[in-house]
Protein backbone atom coordinates (compact mmCIF):
# COMPACT_ATOMS: atom_id res chain seq x y z
CA MET A 1 0.44 -2.52 37.28
CA GLY A 2 3.08 -5.23 36.85
CA GLU A 3 6.23 -6.04 34.26
CA PRO A 4 4.99 -5.46 30.63
CA ARG A 5 5.84 -9.01 30.16
CA ASP A 6 2.56 -9.73 32.92
CA TRP A 7 0.39 -7.83 30.01
CA PRO A 8 -1.95 -10.08 28.33
CA GLY A 9 -2.79 -8.39 24.97
CA HIS A 10 -0.33 -6.45 22.86
CA GLY A 11 1.36 -2.46 23.61
CA LEU A 12 -1.77 -1.68 22.85
CA ASP A 13 -3.54 -2.98 25.40
CA LEU A 14 -0.78 -1.34 28.04
CA LEU A 15 -1.29 2.03 26.06
CA LYS A 16 -4.62 2.34 26.42
CA GLU A 17 -4.02 1.64 29.95
CA ILE A 18 -1.26 4.19 30.54
CA ARG A 19 -4.04 6.90 29.04
CA LYS A 20 -6.67 5.64 31.44
CA ARG A 21 -4.66 5.91 34.50
CA GLY A 22 -3.89 9.76 33.68
CA VAL A 23 -0.20 9.71 33.00
CA ASP A 24 0.81 12.05 30.37
CA VAL A 25 4.20 10.41 28.63
CA PRO A 26 5.18 10.48 24.80
CA VAL A 27 5.26 6.85 23.70
CA ILE A 28 6.45 5.58 20.08
CA MET A 29 4.64 2.40 19.32
CA THR A 30 6.21 0.16 16.25
CA CYS A 31 4.04 -1.32 13.71
CA PRO A 32 4.32 -4.11 11.10
CA PRO A 33 4.85 -2.41 7.97
CA LEU A 34 2.45 -1.38 6.03
CA GLU A 35 -0.24 -2.56 8.97
CA LYS A 36 -1.83 0.97 8.64
CA LYS A 37 -4.81 0.05 10.54
CA GLY A 38 -2.26 -0.60 13.60
CA MET A 39 -0.65 2.74 13.25
CA ASP A 40 -4.16 4.50 13.44
CA GLU A 41 -5.58 2.34 16.71
CA ALA A 42 -2.17 3.38 18.77
CA GLN A 43 -2.24 7.66 17.44
CA SER A 44 -6.28 7.11 18.27
CA ALA A 45 -5.50 5.69 21.95
CA GLY A 46 -2.76 8.48 22.52
CA ALA A 47 0.73 7.36 20.81
CA LEU A 48 2.84 10.58 19.97
CA ALA A 49 3.62 8.06 16.57
CA SER A 50 3.96 5.15 15.19
CA LEU A 51 6.89 3.19 13.30
CA ARG A 52 6.15 0.84 10.99
CA GLY A 53 9.22 -1.42 11.26
CA ASP A 54 11.62 1.56 10.05
CA LEU A 55 13.61 2.33 12.58
CA GLY A 56 15.85 5.22 11.21
CA GLU A 57 12.42 7.20 12.20
CA LEU A 58 13.20 6.98 15.94
CA GLU A 59 15.60 9.15 16.52
CA ARG A 60 13.96 11.68 15.58
CA LEU A 61 10.75 10.61 17.00
CA VAL A 62 12.52 11.00 20.99
CA THR A 63 13.90 14.12 19.85
CA LEU A 64 10.42 15.33 19.25
CA ALA A 65 9.41 14.08 22.14
CA LEU A 66 11.83 15.20 24.36
CA SER A 67 10.84 18.18 23.01
CA GLY A 68 7.33 18.63 25.38
CA PRO A 69 3.75 18.41 23.67
CA VAL A 70 3.00 17.88 20.55
CA GLN A 71 0.60 20.45 18.32
CA ASP A 72 0.26 18.81 15.07
CA SER A 73 -0.11 14.99 14.64
CA SER A 74 1.05 15.33 11.10
CA LYS A 75 4.22 15.94 12.21
CA THR A 76 4.63 12.31 13.99
CA THR A 77 2.79 10.91 11.07
CA PRO A 78 5.56 9.25 9.32
CA PRO A 79 4.95 9.92 5.06
CA ALA A 80 3.17 6.44 3.78
């Protein structure tokens, strides 16, 4: 796959390639605040969650990612 810095595009492209190759790992994406489209695209592509610039939420999401498969995607979506 090469080094991440060698990938064209952005993290969403990398996430899609990871999923295309069948790698099942939790992925947490960051998105600029107020960019709902980016959050929706990341979760549609298989991201566990996406952060809107609020890194205070990161600890909770990492704990969730390490706890196993997520059954309910509403647990990963931060409130609007």
